């Protein structure tokens, strides 16, 4: 028989999991639920932005769907993708977006500082244009372009009038990189 103490120990250090559903092709109006820096299972640095869909032309992502954008920080384009994201969703200058102070406020490193304040990105709205392109290895890479959106001042896109993105069942084997990292980029 399993003791209550043993069961409690199993849960004592478990972390809360967030969405692992990623953007697919389409145009989205999203609200940011959180942003953070973390290490994947192999200890490689990642940044993630967790969002709630407000509207989309992709029928696979109706309003209230959860979606995440994850960026590998240990490659050539990762850090610049994060700086571009901050610049695009806030309208601040590239110099401000790349400052350590702004980066740390947008993407707190919870693992390094469990008492870090929540991301200042929480509650921001944005428009995301996600498009898919093939990779050299035969997979599909989804590129996301972000745009600042103020629901009080900006006119929301008419998703019903947009062409709907075809929902395609993707049966793609995701190759693991030589490092065993499931996110190859």
C-alpha atoms as a PDB file:
ATOM      1  CA  UNK A   1       0.000   0.000   0.000  1.00  0.00           C
ATOM      2  CA  UNK A   2       1.251   3.458  -0.872  1.00  0.00           C
ATOM      3  CA  UNK A   3       1.485   5.892   2.028  1.00  0.00           C
ATOM      4  CA  UNK A   4       0.099   9.417   2.025  1.00  0.00           C
ATOM      5  CA  UNK A   5       3.578  10.732   2.777  1.00  0.00           C
ATOM      6  CA  UNK A   6       4.968   9.025  -0.325  1.00  0.00           C
ATOM      7  CA  UNK A   7       2.200  10.525  -2.485  1.00  0.00           C
ATOM      8  CA  UNK A   8       2.806  13.967  -0.965  1.00  0.00           C
ATOM      9  CA  UNK A   9       6.529  13.672  -1.799  1.00  0.00           C
ATOM     10  CA  UNK A  10       5.697  12.929  -5.450  1.00  0.00           C
ATOM     11  CA  UNK A  11       3.787  16.205  -5.722  1.00  0.00           C
ATOM     12  CA  UNK A  12       5.990  18.356  -3.463  1.00  0.00           C
ATOM     13  CA  UNK A  13       8.376  19.582  -6.161  1.00  0.00           C
ATOM     14  CA  UNK A  14       6.225  19.148  -9.258  1.00  0.00           C
ATOM     15  CA  UNK A  15       5.951  22.230 -11.436  1.00  0.00           C
ATOM     16  CA  UNK A  16       2.778  23.585 -12.992  1.00  0.00           C
ATOM     17  CA  UNK A  17       2.675  22.793 -16.699  1.00  0.00           C
ATOM     18  CA  UNK A  18       1.466  25.351 -19.213  1.00  0.00           C
ATOM     19  CA  UNK A  19       0.228  25.127 -22.759  1.00  0.00           C
ATOM     20  CA  UNK A  20       2.365  23.262 -25.216  1.00  0.00           C
ATOM     21  CA  UNK A  21       0.164  23.871 -28.228  1.00  0.00           C
ATOM     22  CA  UNK A  22       2.050  26.038 -30.669  1.00  0.00           C
ATOM     23  CA  UNK A  23       0.965  28.573 -33.277  1.00  0.00           C
ATOM     24  CA  UNK A  24      -0.028  27.200 -36.669  1.00  0.00           C
ATOM     25  CA  UNK A  25      -0.496  29.214 -39.874  1.00  0.00           C
ATOM     26  CA  UNK A  26      -3.024  32.025 -39.499  1.00  0.00           C
ATOM     27  CA  UNK A  27      -3.710  35.486 -38.161  1.00  0.00           C
ATOM     28  CA  UNK A  28      -4.467  35.769 -34.460  1.00  0.00           C
ATOM     29  CA  UNK A  29      -5.591  38.373 -31.965  1.00  0.00           C
ATOM     30  CA  UNK A  30      -4.105  37.189 -28.675  1.00  0.00           C
ATOM     31  CA  UNK A  31      -3.862  38.270 -25.060  1.00  0.00           C
ATOM     32  CA  UNK A  32      -0.590  37.434 -23.326  1.00  0.00           C
ATOM     33  CA  UNK A  33      -0.995  35.287 -20.203  1.00  0.00           C
ATOM     34  CA  UNK A  34       2.683  35.002 -19.302  1.00  0.00           C
ATOM     35  CA  UNK A  35       6.271  35.050 -20.487  1.00  0.00           C
ATOM     36  CA  UNK A  36       9.318  33.423 -18.975  1.00  0.00           C
ATOM     37  CA  UNK A  37      12.818  32.054 -19.434  1.00  0.00           C
ATOM     38  CA  UNK A  38      13.318  28.381 -18.649  1.00  0.00           C
ATOM     39  CA  UNK A  39      15.549  25.421 -19.436  1.00  0.00           C
ATOM     40  CA  UNK A  40      14.224  22.476 -21.378  1.00  0.00           C
ATOM     41  CA  UNK A  41      14.820  18.877 -20.289  1.00  0.00           C
ATOM     42  CA  UNK A  42      18.309  18.972 -21.778  1.00  0.00           C
ATOM     43  CA  UNK A  43      19.101  22.165 -19.850  1.00  0.00           C
ATOM     44  CA  UNK A  44      19.029  24.381 -22.941  1.00  0.00           C
ATOM     45  CA  UNK A  45      17.681  27.953 -22.545  1.00  0.00           C
ATOM     46  CA  UNK A  46      14.247  28.794 -23.917  1.00  0.00           C
ATOM     47  CA  UNK A  47      11.862  31.731 -23.754  1.00  0.00           C
ATOM     48  CA  UNK A  48       8.116  31.240 -23.965  1.00  0.00           C
ATOM     49  CA  UNK A  49       5.089  33.446 -24.344  1.00  0.00           C
ATOM     50  CA  UNK A  50       1.788  31.848 -23.304  1.00  0.00           C
ATOM     51  CA  UNK A  51      -1.341  33.345 -24.835  1.00  0.00           C
ATOM     52  CA  UNK A  52      -5.121  33.123 -25.014  1.00  0.00           C
ATOM     53  CA  UNK A  53      -6.664  33.450 -28.463  1.00  0.00           C
ATOM     54  CA  UNK A  54      -9.215  36.283 -28.708  1.00  0.00           C
ATOM     55  CA  UNK A  55      -9.878  35.687 -32.413  1.00  0.00           C
ATOM     56  CA  UNK A  56      -8.298  33.890 -35.352  1.00  0.00           C
ATOM     57  CA  UNK A  57      -8.827  32.847 -38.953  1.00  0.00           C
ATOM     58  CA  UNK A  58      -7.575  29.361 -38.065  1.00  0.00           C
ATOM     59  CA  UNK A  59     -10.592  27.220 -37.090  1.00  0.00           C
ATOM     60  CA  UNK A  60      -8.313  24.986 -35.009  1.00  0.00           C
ATOM     61  CA  UNK A  61      -7.817  27.936 -32.623  1.00  0.00           C
ATOM     62  CA  UNK A  62     -11.224  29.325 -31.596  1.00  0.00           C
ATOM     63  CA  UNK A  63     -11.477  32.081 -28.969  1.00  0.00           C
ATOM     64  CA  UNK A  64     -10.202  31.037 -25.510  1.00  0.00           C
ATOM     65  CA  UNK A  65      -7.750  28.507 -27.016  1.00  0.00           C
ATOM     66  CA  UNK A  66      -4.366  28.428 -25.334  1.00  0.00           C
ATOM     67  CA  UNK A  67      -1.274  28.762 -27.513  1.00  0.00           C
ATOM     68  CA  UNK A  68       2.451  29.205 -26.831  1.00  0.00           C
ATOM     69  CA  UNK A  69       5.395  30.657 -28.704  1.00  0.00           C
ATOM     70  CA  UNK A  70       8.711  29.088 -27.698  1.00  0.00           C
ATOM     71  CA  UNK A  71      12.105  30.426 -28.779  1.00  0.00           C
ATOM     72  CA  UNK A  72      15.412  28.624 -28.524  1.00  0.00           C
ATOM     73  CA  UNK A  73      17.859  31.106 -26.996  1.00  0.00           C
ATOM     74  CA  UNK A  74      21.023  29.180 -27.799  1.00  0.00           C
ATOM     75  CA  UNK A  75      20.991  29.730 -31.546  1.00  0.00           C
ATOM     76  CA  UNK A  76      21.873  32.709 -33.742  1.00  0.00           C
ATOM     77  CA  UNK A  77      18.354  34.082 -34.174  1.00  0.00           C
ATOM     78  CA  UNK A  78      16.838  33.388 -30.730  1.00  0.00           C
ATOM     79  CA  UNK A  79      17.925  36.501 -28.824  1.00  0.00           C
ATOM     80  CA  UNK A  80      17.084  38.819 -31.736  1.00  0.00           C
ATOM     81  CA  UNK A  81      13.648  37.173 -32.041  1.00  0.00           C
ATOM     82  CA  UNK A  82      12.969  38.078 -28.399  1.00  0.00           C
ATOM     83  CA  UNK A  83      14.173  41.681 -28.801  1.00  0.00           C
ATOM     84  CA  UNK A  84      12.053  42.016 -31.957  1.00  0.00           C
ATOM     85  CA  UNK A  85       9.024  40.609 -30.095  1.00  0.00           C
ATOM     86  CA  UNK A  86       9.383  43.172 -27.271  1.00  0.00           C
ATOM     87  CA  UNK A  87       9.863  46.002 -29.781  1.00  0.00           C
ATOM     88  CA  UNK A  88       6.840  44.894 -31.839  1.00  0.00           C
ATOM     89  CA  UNK A  89       4.362  44.428 -28.958  1.00  0.00           C
ATOM     90  CA  UNK A  90       5.338  47.594 -27.085  1.00  0.00           C
ATOM     91  CA  UNK A  91       6.472  50.035 -29.750  1.00  0.00           C
ATOM     92  CA  UNK A  92       9.606  50.830 -27.721  1.00  0.00           C
ATOM     93  CA  UNK A  93      12.923  51.441 -29.440  1.00  0.00           C
ATOM     94  CA  UNK A  94      15.190  48.510 -30.291  1.00  0.00           C
ATOM     95  CA  UNK A  95      17.691  49.869 -27.756  1.00  0.00           C
ATOM     96  CA  UNK A  96      15.076  49.814 -24.991  1.00  0.00           C
ATOM     97  CA  UNK A  97      13.872  46.355 -26.038  1.00  0.00           C
ATOM     98  CA  UNK A  98      17.392  44.950 -25.772  1.00  0.00           C
ATOM     99  CA  UNK A  99      18.184  46.446 -22.364  1.00  0.00           C
ATOM    100  CA  UNK A 100      18.703  43.928 -19.572  1.00  0.00           C
ATOM    101  CA  UNK A 101      16.147  45.721 -17.396  1.00  0.00           C
ATOM    102  CA  UNK A 102      13.353  45.442 -19.989  1.00  0.00           C
ATOM    103  CA  UNK A 103      14.287  41.870 -20.972  1.00  0.00           C
ATOM    104  CA  UNK A 104      14.203  40.741 -17.328  1.00  0.00           C
ATOM    105  CA  UNK A 105      10.823  42.396 -16.767  1.00  0.00           C
ATOM    106  CA  UNK A 106       9.348  40.756 -19.865  1.00  0.00           C
ATOM    107  CA  UNK A 107      10.964  37.344 -19.372  1.00  0.00           C
ATOM    108  CA  UNK A 108      11.608  36.650 -15.689  1.00  0.00           C
ATOM    109  CA  UNK A 109      13.861  33.675 -15.011  1.00  0.00           C
ATOM    110  CA  UNK A 110      11.697  31.887 -12.463  1.00  0.00           C
ATOM    111  CA  UNK A 111      14.172  29.019 -12.062  1.00  0.00           C
ATOM    112  CA  UNK A 112      16.954  31.424 -11.064  1.00  0.00           C
ATOM    113  CA  UNK A 113      14.674  33.607  -8.950  1.00  0.00           C
ATOM    114  CA  UNK A 114      11.454  31.924  -7.743  1.00  0.00           C
ATOM    115  CA  UNK A 115      10.381  35.266  -6.230  1.00  0.00           C
ATOM    116  CA  UNK A 116      10.694  37.171  -9.515  1.00  0.00           C
ATOM    117  CA  UNK A 117       7.793  39.450 -10.346  1.00  0.00           C
ATOM    118  CA  UNK A 118       5.411  38.195 -13.040  1.00  0.00           C
ATOM    119  CA  UNK A 119       6.089  39.296 -16.593  1.00  0.00           C
ATOM    120  CA  UNK A 120       5.027  42.841 -17.453  1.00  0.00           C
ATOM    121  CA  UNK A 121       3.741  41.405 -20.745  1.00  0.00           C
ATOM    122  CA  UNK A 122       0.752  39.830 -18.972  1.00  0.00           C
ATOM    123  CA  UNK A 123      -2.451  41.397 -20.267  1.00  0.00           C
ATOM    124  CA  UNK A 124      -0.953  42.897 -23.419  1.00  0.00           C
ATOM    125  CA  UNK A 125      -2.837  42.273 -26.644  1.00  0.00           C
ATOM    126  CA  UNK A 126      -1.142  41.646 -29.968  1.00  0.00           C
ATOM    127  CA  UNK A 127      -1.838  40.566 -33.510  1.00  0.00           C
ATOM    128  CA  UNK A 128       0.209  37.579 -34.623  1.00  0.00           C
ATOM    129  CA  UNK A 129       0.745  36.527 -38.213  1.00  0.00           C
ATOM    130  CA  UNK A 130       1.998  32.946 -38.220  1.00  0.00           C
ATOM    131  CA  UNK A 131       3.173  31.358 -41.430  1.00  0.00           C
ATOM    132  CA  UNK A 132       4.767  28.019 -42.066  1.00  0.00           C
ATOM    133  CA  UNK A 133       7.825  27.343 -44.149  1.00  0.00           C
ATOM    134  CA  UNK A 134       9.705  24.136 -44.861  1.00  0.00           C
ATOM    135  CA  UNK A 135      13.034  23.476 -43.210  1.00  0.00           C
ATOM    136  CA  UNK A 136      16.106  22.033 -44.888  1.00  0.00           C
ATOM    137  CA  UNK A 137      15.599  18.830 -42.902  1.00  0.00           C
ATOM    138  CA  UNK A 138      12.082  18.380 -44.284  1.00  0.00           C
ATOM    139  CA  UNK A 139      10.115  19.629 -41.279  1.00  0.00           C
ATOM    140  CA  UNK A 140       7.941  22.712 -40.948  1.00  0.00           C
ATOM    141  CA  UNK A 141       8.984  25.867 -39.128  1.00  0.00           C
ATOM    142  CA  UNK A 142       6.313  28.346 -38.019  1.00  0.00           C
ATOM    143  CA  UNK A 143       7.467  31.973 -38.120  1.00  0.00           C
ATOM    144  CA  UNK A 144       5.484  34.443 -35.994  1.00  0.00           C
ATOM    145  CA  UNK A 145       5.360  38.175 -36.608  1.00  0.00           C
ATOM    146  CA  UNK A 146       3.949  40.230 -33.747  1.00  0.00           C
ATOM    147  CA  UNK A 147       2.200  43.606 -33.818  1.00  0.00           C
ATOM    148  CA  UNK A 148       1.125  45.839 -30.947  1.00  0.00           C
ATOM    149  CA  UNK A 149      -2.671  45.943 -30.572  1.00  0.00           C
ATOM    150  CA  UNK A 150      -4.730  48.128 -28.243  1.00  0.00           C
ATOM    151  CA  UNK A 151      -8.322  46.841 -28.101  1.00  0.00           C
ATOM    152  CA  UNK A 152      -9.510  50.241 -26.807  1.00  0.00           C
ATOM    153  CA  UNK A 153      -8.061  52.159 -29.776  1.00  0.00           C
ATOM    154  CA  UNK A 154      -7.387  49.734 -32.626  1.00  0.00           C
ATOM    155  CA  UNK A 155     -10.002  48.134 -34.830  1.00  0.00           C
ATOM    156  CA  UNK A 156     -10.036  44.374 -34.428  1.00  0.00           C
ATOM    157  CA  UNK A 157      -9.576  42.299 -37.568  1.00  0.00           C
ATOM    158  CA  UNK A 158     -12.723  40.813 -39.073  1.00  0.00           C
ATOM    159  CA  UNK A 159     -11.697  37.173 -38.860  1.00  0.00           C
ATOM    160  CA  UNK A 160     -15.012  35.998 -40.340  1.00  0.00           C
ATOM    161  CA  UNK A 161     -14.292  37.956 -43.536  1.00  0.00           C
ATOM    162  CA  UNK A 162     -10.749  36.568 -43.847  1.00  0.00           C
ATOM    163  CA  UNK A 163     -10.032  33.395 -45.757  1.00  0.00           C
ATOM    164  CA  UNK A 164     -10.001  30.579 -43.218  1.00  0.00           C
ATOM    165  CA  UNK A 165      -6.781  28.635 -42.852  1.00  0.00           C
ATOM    166  CA  UNK A 166      -7.176  25.030 -43.897  1.00  0.00           C
ATOM    167  CA  UNK A 167      -6.842  22.657 -40.991  1.00  0.00           C
ATOM    168  CA  UNK A 168      -4.377  20.089 -42.171  1.00  0.00           C
ATOM    169  CA  UNK A 169      -3.514  17.005 -40.204  1.00  0.00           C
ATOM    170  CA  UNK A 170       0.232  17.116 -40.014  1.00  0.00           C
ATOM    171  CA  UNK A 171       1.778  13.738 -39.589  1.00  0.00           C
ATOM    172  CA  UNK A 172       5.341  14.896 -39.579  1.00  0.00           C
ATOM    173  CA  UNK A 173       7.976  13.049 -37.711  1.00  0.00           C
ATOM    174  CA  UNK A 174       9.891  15.642 -35.795  1.00  0.00           C
ATOM    175  CA  UNK A 175      13.539  14.758 -36.099  1.00  0.00           C
ATOM    176  CA  UNK A 176      15.577  15.158 -32.974  1.00  0.00           C
ATOM    177  CA  UNK A 177      18.747  17.116 -33.367  1.00  0.00           C
ATOM    178  CA  UNK A 178      22.079  15.536 -32.585  1.00  0.00           C
ATOM    179  CA  UNK A 179      21.842  16.953 -29.073  1.00  0.00           C
ATOM    180  CA  UNK A 180      18.544  15.143 -28.467  1.00  0.00           C
ATOM    181  CA  UNK A 181      16.729  18.485 -28.271  1.00  0.00           C
ATOM    182  CA  UNK A 182      13.126  18.089 -29.494  1.00  0.00           C
ATOM    183  CA  UNK A 183      13.051  21.761 -30.566  1.00  0.00           C
ATOM    184  CA  UNK A 184      15.595  21.632 -33.406  1.00  0.00           C
ATOM    185  CA  UNK A 185      15.798  25.400 -34.007  1.00  0.00           C
END
